[in-house]
Amino acid sequence: MMNDLTFERVEELKQIREMTGWNVSLRHMDACERGLWTAGEVAKHLRKNFKFDCKAKELEEFADEWHHSGKFGNNMGKTYFFNITENYDFQKLIEKIQAKRNSKVTLVKFAWENDGSKNRPDYWIKVLKITEGSLAEETRSFKKLISENPPEEGKRYRPWEFFDVFVERKQK
């Protein structure tokens, strides 16, 4: 488990990291050495053995744990890990992914639009966009709508008003 790193194990992992130049967290290294599968490996296994086309991004929420995988530009990457055992039920995982794909929800986002004024051609305003989709189509910009009273499309909401009232925030 994550909290089972002893002082000796941490020192060993630090030495390996220095020798290899692998710039990931110690817990990430430990997970790899324990034989946990990454989301990409699981996706590849599903495509190859079950003929089920999916991406690693779709598997993130079903992962058992995640660890920092290094810095990429200004962003810290994450690797999602699965504890795959002999009796792991891949069919159940496929069913969960399909249920997420088939779910119909209202997705909303803010978008910049030109107000079309001839007097101010480069004046842009932030407006609300609403679309129908599945939970699998939820992205960083489109979020699931949870409010019973949907917002008016095109209305000028302040971003903090909108997200506090209408959008479900992910707790990860």
N, C-alpha and C. Protein backbone atom coordinates (compact mmCIF):
# COMPACT_ATOMS: atom_id res chain seq x y z
N MET A 1 0.84 -1.20 0.00
CA MET A 1 0.00 0.00 0.00
C MET A 1 0.88 1.25 0.00
N MET A 2 0.23 2.38 -0.17
CA MET A 2 0.96 3.63 -0.27
C MET A 2 1.72 3.97 1.01
N ASN A 3 1.14 3.68 2.15
CA ASN A 3 1.73 4.10 3.42
C ASN A 3 2.74 3.10 3.96
N ASP A 4 3.04 2.04 3.20
CA ASP A 4 3.96 1.02 3.68
C ASP A 4 5.41 1.30 3.32
N LEU A 5 5.72 2.50 2.89
CA LEU A 5 7.09 2.83 2.54
C LEU A 5 7.90 3.04 3.81
N THR A 6 8.88 2.19 4.02
CA THR A 6 9.77 2.33 5.17
C THR A 6 10.91 3.27 4.80
N PHE A 7 11.66 3.68 5.78
CA PHE A 7 12.79 4.58 5.55
C PHE A 7 13.79 3.93 4.60
N GLU A 8 14.06 2.64 4.80
CA GLU A 8 15.01 1.93 3.94
C GLU A 8 14.50 1.88 2.50
N ARG A 9 13.22 1.63 2.34
CA ARG A 9 12.62 1.55 1.00
C ARG A 9 12.68 2.91 0.30
N VAL A 10 12.44 3.98 1.05
CA VAL A 10 12.50 5.32 0.48
C VAL A 10 13.92 5.62 0.01
N GLU A 11 14.91 5.27 0.82
CA GLU A 11 16.31 5.51 0.44
C GLU A 11 16.68 4.71 -0.80
N GLU A 12 16.21 3.46 -0.87
CA GLU A 12 16.47 2.61 -2.04
C GLU A 12 15.86 3.23 -3.30
N LEU A 13 14.61 3.72 -3.20
CA LEU A 13 13.95 4.32 -4.35
C LEU A 13 14.63 5.61 -4.77
N LYS A 14 15.12 6.39 -3.80
CA LYS A 14 15.85 7.62 -4.13
C LYS A 14 17.12 7.32 -4.92
N GLN A 15 17.82 6.25 -4.52
CA GLN A 15 19.04 5.87 -5.23
C GLN A 15 18.71 5.44 -6.67
N ILE A 16 17.65 4.67 -6.83
CA ILE A 16 17.24 4.24 -8.17
C ILE A 16 16.88 5.45 -9.01
N ARG A 17 16.17 6.40 -8.41
CA ARG A 17 15.76 7.60 -9.15
C ARG A 17 16.98 8.41 -9.58
N GLU A 18 17.98 8.52 -8.72
CA GLU A 18 19.19 9.25 -9.07
C GLU A 18 19.96 8.56 -10.18
N MET A 19 20.04 7.21 -10.13
CA MET A 19 20.79 6.47 -11.14
C MET A 19 20.11 6.51 -12.51
N THR A 20 18.78 6.40 -12.51
CA THR A 20 18.06 6.32 -13.79
C THR A 20 17.66 7.68 -14.33
N GLY A 21 17.62 8.71 -13.47
CA GLY A 21 17.16 10.02 -13.90
C GLY A 21 15.66 10.08 -14.07
N TRP A 22 14.98 9.10 -13.52
CA TRP A 22 13.52 9.02 -13.62
C TRP A 22 12.91 10.06 -12.69
N ASN A 23 12.23 11.05 -13.22
CA ASN A 23 11.74 12.16 -12.43
C ASN A 23 10.26 11.95 -12.07
N VAL A 24 10.01 10.97 -11.22
CA VAL A 24 8.65 10.71 -10.75
C VAL A 24 8.68 10.61 -9.23
N SER A 25 7.50 10.57 -8.63
CA SER A 25 7.44 10.48 -7.18
C SER A 25 7.89 9.08 -6.72
N LEU A 26 8.30 9.00 -5.48
CA LEU A 26 8.73 7.72 -4.92
C LEU A 26 7.58 6.73 -4.88
N ARG A 27 6.39 7.21 -4.60
CA ARG A 27 5.23 6.32 -4.56
C ARG A 27 4.90 5.78 -5.96
N HIS A 28 5.13 6.62 -6.98
CA HIS A 28 4.95 6.17 -8.36
C HIS A 28 5.92 5.04 -8.67
N MET A 29 7.17 5.21 -8.30
CA MET A 29 8.18 4.17 -8.52
C MET A 29 7.81 2.90 -7.78
N ASP A 30 7.35 3.05 -6.54
CA ASP A 30 6.96 1.90 -5.74
C ASP A 30 5.80 1.15 -6.38
N ALA A 31 4.82 1.89 -6.90
CA ALA A 31 3.66 1.26 -7.55
C ALA A 31 4.10 0.48 -8.78
N CYS A 32 5.03 1.03 -9.55
CA CYS A 32 5.53 0.33 -10.73
C CYS A 32 6.27 -0.95 -10.34
N GLU A 33 7.07 -0.87 -9.29
CA GLU A 33 7.83 -2.05 -8.85
C GLU A 33 6.93 -3.10 -8.21
N ARG A 34 5.79 -2.68 -7.66
CA ARG A 34 4.85 -3.65 -7.09
C ARG A 34 4.04 -4.36 -8.17
N GLY A 35 4.18 -3.93 -9.41
CA GLY A 35 3.51 -4.59 -10.51
C GLY A 35 2.10 -4.10 -10.79
N LEU A 36 1.76 -2.90 -10.29
CA LEU A 36 0.45 -2.36 -10.60
C LEU A 36 0.40 -1.96 -12.07
N TRP A 37 -0.76 -2.10 -12.67
CA TRP A 37 -0.93 -1.73 -14.08
C TRP A 37 -1.34 -0.27 -14.18
N THR A 38 -0.81 0.42 -15.17
CA THR A 38 -1.25 1.79 -15.41
C THR A 38 -2.55 1.76 -16.20
N ALA A 39 -3.23 2.89 -16.26
CA ALA A 39 -4.48 2.96 -17.02
C ALA A 39 -4.23 2.67 -18.49
N GLY A 40 -3.09 3.08 -19.01
CA GLY A 40 -2.75 2.80 -20.40
C GLY A 40 -2.58 1.31 -20.66
N GLU A 41 -1.97 0.62 -19.72
CA GLU A 41 -1.80 -0.84 -19.87
C GLU A 41 -3.14 -1.56 -19.81
N VAL A 42 -4.03 -1.09 -18.95
CA VAL A 42 -5.37 -1.69 -18.86
C VAL A 42 -6.14 -1.44 -20.15
N ALA A 43 -6.06 -0.22 -20.67
CA ALA A 43 -6.75 0.10 -21.93
C ALA A 43 -6.22 -0.77 -23.07
N LYS A 44 -4.92 -0.95 -23.13
CA LYS A 44 -4.32 -1.79 -24.16
C LYS A 44 -4.79 -3.24 -24.02
N HIS A 45 -4.86 -3.74 -22.78
CA HIS A 45 -5.33 -5.10 -22.52
C HIS A 45 -6.79 -5.27 -22.96
N LEU A 46 -7.63 -4.26 -22.68
CA LEU A 46 -9.03 -4.33 -23.07
C LEU A 46 -9.18 -4.33 -24.60
N ARG A 47 -8.37 -3.52 -25.28
CA ARG A 47 -8.43 -3.48 -26.74
C ARG A 47 -7.97 -4.80 -27.35
N LYS A 48 -6.90 -5.35 -26.81
CA LYS A 48 -6.29 -6.54 -27.39
C LYS A 48 -7.08 -7.82 -27.08
N ASN A 49 -7.46 -8.00 -25.83
CA ASN A 49 -8.07 -9.26 -25.41
C ASN A 49 -9.59 -9.26 -25.41
N PHE A 50 -10.22 -8.10 -25.29
CA PHE A 50 -11.68 -8.04 -25.23
C PHE A 50 -12.28 -7.29 -26.42
N LYS A 51 -11.41 -6.79 -27.32
CA LYS A 51 -11.87 -6.03 -28.50
C LYS A 51 -12.77 -4.87 -28.09
N PHE A 52 -12.45 -4.25 -26.96
CA PHE A 52 -13.21 -3.12 -26.43
C PHE A 52 -12.34 -1.89 -26.55
N ASP A 53 -12.75 -0.95 -27.38
CA ASP A 53 -11.96 0.25 -27.65
C ASP A 53 -12.20 1.29 -26.56
N CYS A 54 -11.17 1.62 -25.82
CA CYS A 54 -11.27 2.67 -24.81
C CYS A 54 -9.91 3.34 -24.66
N LYS A 55 -9.92 4.49 -24.04
CA LYS A 55 -8.69 5.25 -23.81
C LYS A 55 -8.38 5.25 -22.32
N ALA A 56 -7.13 5.48 -22.00
CA ALA A 56 -6.70 5.52 -20.61
C ALA A 56 -7.44 6.61 -19.84
N LYS A 57 -7.77 7.71 -20.52
CA LYS A 57 -8.46 8.84 -19.88
C LYS A 57 -9.83 8.40 -19.33
N GLU A 58 -10.50 7.46 -20.03
CA GLU A 58 -11.80 6.98 -19.58
C GLU A 58 -11.70 6.12 -18.33
N LEU A 59 -10.53 5.58 -18.06
CA LEU A 59 -10.35 4.66 -16.94
C LEU A 59 -9.95 5.35 -15.64
N GLU A 60 -9.66 6.64 -15.69
CA GLU A 60 -9.12 7.35 -14.52
C GLU A 60 -9.98 7.18 -13.28
N GLU A 61 -11.27 7.37 -13.41
CA GLU A 61 -12.13 7.34 -12.21
C GLU A 61 -12.30 5.94 -11.63
N PHE A 62 -11.94 4.91 -12.38
CA PHE A 62 -12.08 3.54 -11.88
C PHE A 62 -10.77 3.00 -11.29
N ALA A 63 -9.71 3.80 -11.33
CA ALA A 63 -8.40 3.37 -10.86
C ALA A 63 -8.39 3.21 -9.34
N ASP A 64 -7.48 2.36 -8.87
CA ASP A 64 -7.34 2.12 -7.43
C ASP A 64 -6.53 3.21 -6.74
N GLU A 65 -5.54 3.75 -7.44
CA GLU A 65 -4.73 4.82 -6.86
C GLU A 65 -4.05 5.60 -7.98
N TRP A 66 -3.52 6.78 -7.64
CA TRP A 66 -2.76 7.57 -8.60
C TRP A 66 -1.57 8.16 -7.89
N HIS A 67 -0.53 8.45 -8.70
CA HIS A 67 0.68 9.07 -8.17
C HIS A 67 1.21 10.08 -9.17
N HIS A 68 1.96 11.06 -8.67
CA HIS A 68 2.56 12.06 -9.54
C HIS A 68 3.61 11.40 -10.44
N SER A 69 3.55 11.76 -11.71
CA SER A 69 4.44 11.11 -12.67
C SER A 69 5.45 12.08 -13.28
N GLY A 70 5.70 13.15 -12.62
CA GLY A 70 6.71 14.08 -13.11
C GLY A 70 6.10 15.39 -13.58
N LYS A 71 6.97 16.32 -13.89
CA LYS A 71 6.54 17.64 -14.32
C LYS A 71 6.65 17.75 -15.83
N PHE A 72 5.57 18.21 -16.46
CA PHE A 72 5.53 18.38 -17.90
C PHE A 72 5.18 19.84 -18.17
N GLY A 73 6.19 20.62 -18.48
CA GLY A 73 5.99 22.06 -18.63
C GLY A 73 5.67 22.65 -17.27
N ASN A 74 4.51 23.29 -17.15
CA ASN A 74 4.09 23.84 -15.87
C ASN A 74 3.11 22.94 -15.14
N ASN A 75 2.82 21.78 -15.70
CA ASN A 75 1.83 20.90 -15.10
C ASN A 75 2.47 19.67 -14.48
N MET A 76 1.88 19.22 -13.38
CA MET A 76 2.33 17.99 -12.74
C MET A 76 1.46 16.86 -13.27
N GLY A 77 2.07 15.84 -13.85
CA GLY A 77 1.33 14.73 -14.43
C GLY A 77 0.87 13.75 -13.37
N LYS A 78 -0.14 12.97 -13.71
CA LYS A 78 -0.64 11.93 -12.82
C LYS A 78 -0.69 10.62 -13.60
N THR A 79 -0.33 9.53 -12.93
CA THR A 79 -0.48 8.20 -13.50
C THR A 79 -1.48 7.46 -12.63
N TYR A 80 -2.46 6.84 -13.27
CA TYR A 80 -3.50 6.10 -12.56
C TYR A 80 -3.15 4.61 -12.61
N PHE A 81 -3.25 3.95 -11.45
CA PHE A 81 -2.84 2.56 -11.33
C PHE A 81 -4.02 1.66 -10.95
N PHE A 82 -3.98 0.43 -11.48
CA PHE A 82 -4.96 -0.61 -11.16
C PHE A 82 -4.23 -1.78 -10.52
N ASN A 83 -4.81 -2.32 -9.47
CA ASN A 83 -4.26 -3.50 -8.82
C ASN A 83 -4.90 -4.73 -9.47
N ILE A 84 -4.27 -5.20 -10.54
CA ILE A 84 -4.82 -6.31 -11.33
C ILE A 84 -4.33 -7.62 -10.73
N THR A 85 -5.27 -8.46 -10.32
CA THR A 85 -4.94 -9.78 -9.78
C THR A 85 -5.45 -10.84 -10.76
N GLU A 86 -5.21 -12.09 -10.45
CA GLU A 86 -5.64 -13.18 -11.33
C GLU A 86 -7.14 -13.19 -11.56
N ASN A 87 -7.89 -12.87 -10.52
CA ASN A 87 -9.35 -12.93 -10.64
C ASN A 87 -9.98 -11.55 -10.83
N TYR A 88 -9.25 -10.62 -11.45
CA TYR A 88 -9.79 -9.29 -11.71
C TYR A 88 -10.89 -9.39 -12.76
N ASP A 89 -12.00 -8.73 -12.52
CA ASP A 89 -13.17 -8.82 -13.40
C ASP A 89 -13.13 -7.69 -14.43
N PHE A 90 -12.51 -7.95 -15.57
CA PHE A 90 -12.44 -6.95 -16.63
C PHE A 90 -13.81 -6.69 -17.23
N GLN A 91 -14.67 -7.71 -17.25
CA GLN A 91 -16.01 -7.53 -17.82
C GLN A 91 -16.80 -6.50 -17.02
N LYS A 92 -16.64 -6.51 -15.70
CA LYS A 92 -17.32 -5.53 -14.85
C LYS A 92 -16.81 -4.12 -15.14
N LEU A 93 -15.51 -3.99 -15.38
CA LEU A 93 -14.93 -2.70 -15.74
C LEU A 93 -15.50 -2.21 -17.06
N ILE A 94 -15.62 -3.11 -18.04
CA ILE A 94 -16.20 -2.76 -19.34
C ILE A 94 -17.63 -2.27 -19.17
N GLU A 95 -18.40 -2.95 -18.32
CA GLU A 95 -19.79 -2.54 -18.08
C GLU A 95 -19.86 -1.14 -17.47
N LYS A 96 -18.95 -0.82 -16.55
CA LYS A 96 -18.93 0.51 -15.94
C LYS A 96 -18.62 1.59 -16.99
N ILE A 97 -17.67 1.29 -17.87
CA ILE A 97 -17.30 2.26 -18.91
C ILE A 97 -18.47 2.47 -19.86
N GLN A 98 -19.15 1.38 -20.25
CA GLN A 98 -20.29 1.50 -21.16
C GLN A 98 -21.44 2.26 -20.50
N ALA A 99 -21.66 2.04 -19.21
CA ALA A 99 -22.72 2.78 -18.51
C ALA A 99 -22.40 4.27 -18.51
N LYS A 100 -21.13 4.61 -18.32
CA LYS A 100 -20.75 6.02 -18.34
C LYS A 100 -20.94 6.62 -19.72
N ARG A 101 -20.61 5.86 -20.76
CA ARG A 101 -20.78 6.33 -22.14
C ARG A 101 -22.25 6.52 -22.50
N ASN A 102 -23.11 5.65 -21.99
CA ASN A 102 -24.53 5.67 -22.36
C ASN A 102 -25.36 6.64 -21.53
N SER A 103 -24.81 7.16 -20.44
CA SER A 103 -25.57 8.08 -19.60
C SER A 103 -25.75 9.41 -20.33
N LYS A 104 -26.96 9.95 -20.26
CA LYS A 104 -27.24 11.23 -20.91
C LYS A 104 -27.37 12.32 -19.85
N VAL A 105 -26.58 13.35 -19.98
CA VAL A 105 -26.58 14.46 -19.04
C VAL A 105 -26.50 15.77 -19.81
N THR A 106 -26.77 16.85 -19.12
CA THR A 106 -26.61 18.18 -19.69
C THR A 106 -25.22 18.69 -19.32
N LEU A 107 -24.46 19.10 -20.31
CA LEU A 107 -23.13 19.62 -20.10
C LEU A 107 -23.13 21.12 -20.39
N VAL A 108 -22.41 21.86 -19.58
CA VAL A 108 -22.37 23.31 -19.73
C VAL A 108 -20.93 23.81 -19.67
N LYS A 109 -20.69 24.96 -20.30
CA LYS A 109 -19.37 25.61 -20.21
C LYS A 109 -19.52 27.08 -20.54
N PHE A 110 -18.52 27.85 -20.16
CA PHE A 110 -18.41 29.23 -20.58
C PHE A 110 -17.57 29.29 -21.85
N ALA A 111 -17.94 30.16 -22.77
CA ALA A 111 -17.18 30.36 -24.00
C ALA A 111 -17.08 31.84 -24.29
N TRP A 112 -16.00 32.23 -24.93
CA TRP A 112 -15.82 33.62 -25.33
C TRP A 112 -16.46 33.82 -26.69
N GLU A 113 -17.26 34.88 -26.81
CA GLU A 113 -17.89 35.21 -28.08
C GLU A 113 -17.74 36.70 -28.34
N ASN A 114 -17.62 37.03 -29.61
CA ASN A 114 -17.58 38.42 -30.00
C ASN A 114 -19.01 38.95 -29.94
N ASP A 115 -19.21 40.12 -29.35
CA ASP A 115 -20.58 40.61 -29.21
C ASP A 115 -21.15 41.15 -30.52
N GLY A 116 -20.36 41.18 -31.59
CA GLY A 116 -20.86 41.56 -32.90
C GLY A 116 -21.07 43.06 -33.07
N SER A 117 -20.64 43.85 -32.15
CA SER A 117 -20.82 45.29 -32.24
C SER A 117 -19.89 45.88 -33.29
N LYS A 118 -20.43 46.76 -34.12
CA LYS A 118 -19.60 47.40 -35.13
C LYS A 118 -18.69 48.45 -34.50
N ASN A 119 -19.13 49.00 -33.39
CA ASN A 119 -18.34 50.03 -32.72
C ASN A 119 -17.12 49.44 -32.01
N ARG A 120 -17.28 48.21 -31.51
CA ARG A 120 -16.18 47.56 -30.78
C ARG A 120 -15.99 46.15 -31.34
N PRO A 121 -15.32 45.99 -32.49
CA PRO A 121 -15.23 44.67 -33.14
C PRO A 121 -14.39 43.66 -32.36
N ASP A 122 -13.48 44.15 -31.51
CA ASP A 122 -12.67 43.21 -30.76
C ASP A 122 -13.09 43.12 -29.29
N TYR A 123 -14.36 43.38 -29.02
CA TYR A 123 -14.89 43.26 -27.66
C TYR A 123 -15.50 41.88 -27.51
N TRP A 124 -14.95 41.09 -26.61
CA TRP A 124 -15.40 39.71 -26.40
C TRP A 124 -16.09 39.60 -25.05
N ILE A 125 -17.14 38.79 -24.99
CA ILE A 125 -17.86 38.55 -23.73
C ILE A 125 -17.89 37.06 -23.47
N LYS A 126 -18.06 36.71 -22.21
CA LYS A 126 -18.13 35.31 -21.81
C LYS A 126 -19.60 34.93 -21.70
N VAL A 127 -20.01 33.90 -22.46
CA VAL A 127 -21.41 33.47 -22.45
C VAL A 127 -21.48 31.98 -22.13
N LEU A 128 -22.66 31.56 -21.76
CA LEU A 128 -22.87 30.17 -21.36
C LEU A 128 -23.29 29.32 -22.55
N LYS A 129 -22.66 28.16 -22.71
CA LYS A 129 -23.01 27.19 -23.75
C LYS A 129 -23.55 25.93 -23.08
N ILE A 130 -24.64 25.38 -23.62
CA ILE A 130 -25.26 24.19 -23.06
C ILE A 130 -25.36 23.15 -24.17
N THR A 131 -25.05 21.90 -23.85
CA THR A 131 -25.16 20.81 -24.81
C THR A 131 -25.59 19.54 -24.09
N GLU A 132 -26.12 18.60 -24.84
CA GLU A 132 -26.46 17.28 -24.31
C GLU A 132 -25.31 16.34 -24.63
N GLY A 133 -25.00 15.45 -23.72
CA GLY A 133 -23.92 14.49 -23.96
C GLY A 133 -23.91 13.41 -22.90
N SER A 134 -22.85 12.64 -22.88
CA SER A 134 -22.71 11.59 -21.88
C SER A 134 -21.64 12.00 -20.88
N LEU A 135 -21.57 11.28 -19.78
CA LEU A 135 -20.54 11.57 -18.78
C LEU A 135 -19.15 11.35 -19.37
N ALA A 136 -19.04 10.46 -20.35
CA ALA A 136 -17.74 10.21 -20.98
C ALA A 136 -17.27 11.42 -21.77
N GLU A 137 -18.19 12.28 -22.20
CA GLU A 137 -17.82 13.46 -22.97
C GLU A 137 -17.49 14.66 -22.08
N GLU A 138 -17.64 14.50 -20.78
CA GLU A 138 -17.32 15.59 -19.86
C GLU A 138 -15.82 15.86 -19.93
N THR A 139 -15.46 17.11 -20.11
CA THR A 139 -14.05 17.49 -20.24
C THR A 139 -13.74 18.58 -19.23
N ARG A 140 -12.55 19.14 -19.37
CA ARG A 140 -12.16 20.23 -18.47
C ARG A 140 -13.05 21.45 -18.69
N SER A 141 -13.50 21.68 -19.93
CA SER A 141 -14.31 22.86 -20.19
C SER A 141 -15.80 22.58 -20.04
N PHE A 142 -16.28 21.41 -20.48
CA PHE A 142 -17.70 21.06 -20.30
C PHE A 142 -17.87 20.29 -19.00
N LYS A 143 -18.78 20.76 -18.14
CA LYS A 143 -19.03 20.12 -16.84
C LYS A 143 -20.47 19.66 -16.76
N LYS A 144 -20.71 18.67 -15.92
CA LYS A 144 -22.05 18.13 -15.73
C LYS A 144 -22.91 19.13 -14.96
N LEU A 145 -24.12 19.36 -15.45
CA LEU A 145 -25.06 20.26 -14.80
C LEU A 145 -25.82 19.50 -13.72
N ILE A 146 -25.89 20.04 -12.50
CA ILE A 146 -26.60 19.34 -11.43
C ILE A 146 -27.82 20.11 -10.93
N SER A 147 -27.98 21.32 -11.35
CA SER A 147 -29.07 22.15 -10.86
C SER A 147 -30.40 21.70 -11.44
N GLU A 148 -31.47 21.77 -10.64
CA GLU A 148 -32.81 21.48 -11.13
C GLU A 148 -33.30 22.59 -12.06
N ASN A 149 -32.88 23.82 -11.79
CA ASN A 149 -33.25 24.96 -12.64
C ASN A 149 -32.08 25.27 -13.55
N PRO A 150 -32.12 24.80 -14.80
CA PRO A 150 -30.97 25.04 -15.67
C PRO A 150 -30.78 26.52 -15.96
N PRO A 151 -29.55 26.95 -16.11
CA PRO A 151 -29.28 28.35 -16.42
C PRO A 151 -29.73 28.70 -17.83
N GLU A 152 -29.88 29.96 -18.09
CA GLU A 152 -30.29 30.42 -19.42
C GLU A 152 -29.07 30.46 -20.32
N GLU A 153 -29.19 29.85 -21.49
CA GLU A 153 -28.08 29.86 -22.41
C GLU A 153 -27.88 31.28 -22.93
N GLY A 154 -26.63 31.70 -22.96
CA GLY A 154 -26.30 33.03 -23.44
C GLY A 154 -26.32 34.10 -22.36
N LYS A 155 -26.86 33.79 -21.17
CA LYS A 155 -26.90 34.78 -20.10
C LYS A 155 -25.49 35.02 -19.57
N ARG A 156 -25.24 36.24 -19.12
CA ARG A 156 -23.92 36.58 -18.60
C ARG A 156 -23.87 36.31 -17.11
N TYR A 157 -23.37 35.15 -16.74
CA TYR A 157 -23.16 34.81 -15.34
C TYR A 157 -21.71 35.12 -14.98
N ARG A 158 -21.50 35.47 -13.74
CA ARG A 158 -20.13 35.55 -13.27
C ARG A 158 -19.66 34.12 -13.05
N PRO A 159 -18.41 33.80 -13.38
CA PRO A 159 -17.97 32.41 -13.29
C PRO A 159 -18.16 31.79 -11.92
N TRP A 160 -17.90 32.54 -10.84
CA TRP A 160 -18.04 31.94 -9.52
C TRP A 160 -19.50 31.69 -9.18
N GLU A 161 -20.42 32.52 -9.64
CA GLU A 161 -21.85 32.27 -9.41
C GLU A 161 -22.27 30.99 -10.14
N PHE A 162 -21.84 30.88 -11.37
CA PHE A 162 -22.25 29.76 -12.19
C PHE A 162 -21.76 28.43 -11.61
N PHE A 163 -20.47 28.33 -11.32
CA PHE A 163 -19.92 27.05 -10.90
C PHE A 163 -20.38 26.66 -9.50
N ASP A 164 -20.64 27.61 -8.63
CA ASP A 164 -21.12 27.27 -7.30
C ASP A 164 -22.54 26.74 -7.33
N VAL A 165 -23.35 27.22 -8.26
CA VAL A 165 -24.76 26.87 -8.28
C VAL A 165 -25.08 25.70 -9.20
N PHE A 166 -24.46 25.67 -10.37
CA PHE A 166 -24.92 24.76 -11.41
C PHE A 166 -24.05 23.54 -11.67
N VAL A 167 -22.79 23.58 -11.32
CA VAL A 167 -21.88 22.54 -11.76
C VAL A 167 -21.38 21.70 -10.59
N GLU A 168 -21.35 20.40 -10.81
CA GLU A 168 -20.83 19.48 -9.80
C GLU A 168 -19.31 19.56 -9.80
N ARG A 169 -18.74 19.80 -8.65
CA ARG A 169 -17.29 19.85 -8.55
C ARG A 169 -16.77 18.47 -8.20
N LYS A 170 -15.72 18.05 -8.89
CA LYS A 170 -15.14 16.73 -8.65
C LYS A 170 -14.26 16.78 -7.40
N GLN A 171 -14.40 15.82 -6.57
CA GLN A 171 -13.56 15.71 -5.37
C GLN A 171 -12.61 14.55 -5.58
N LYS A 172 -11.36 14.86 -5.90
CA LYS A 172 -10.36 13.79 -6.12
C LYS A 172 -9.20 13.98 -5.21
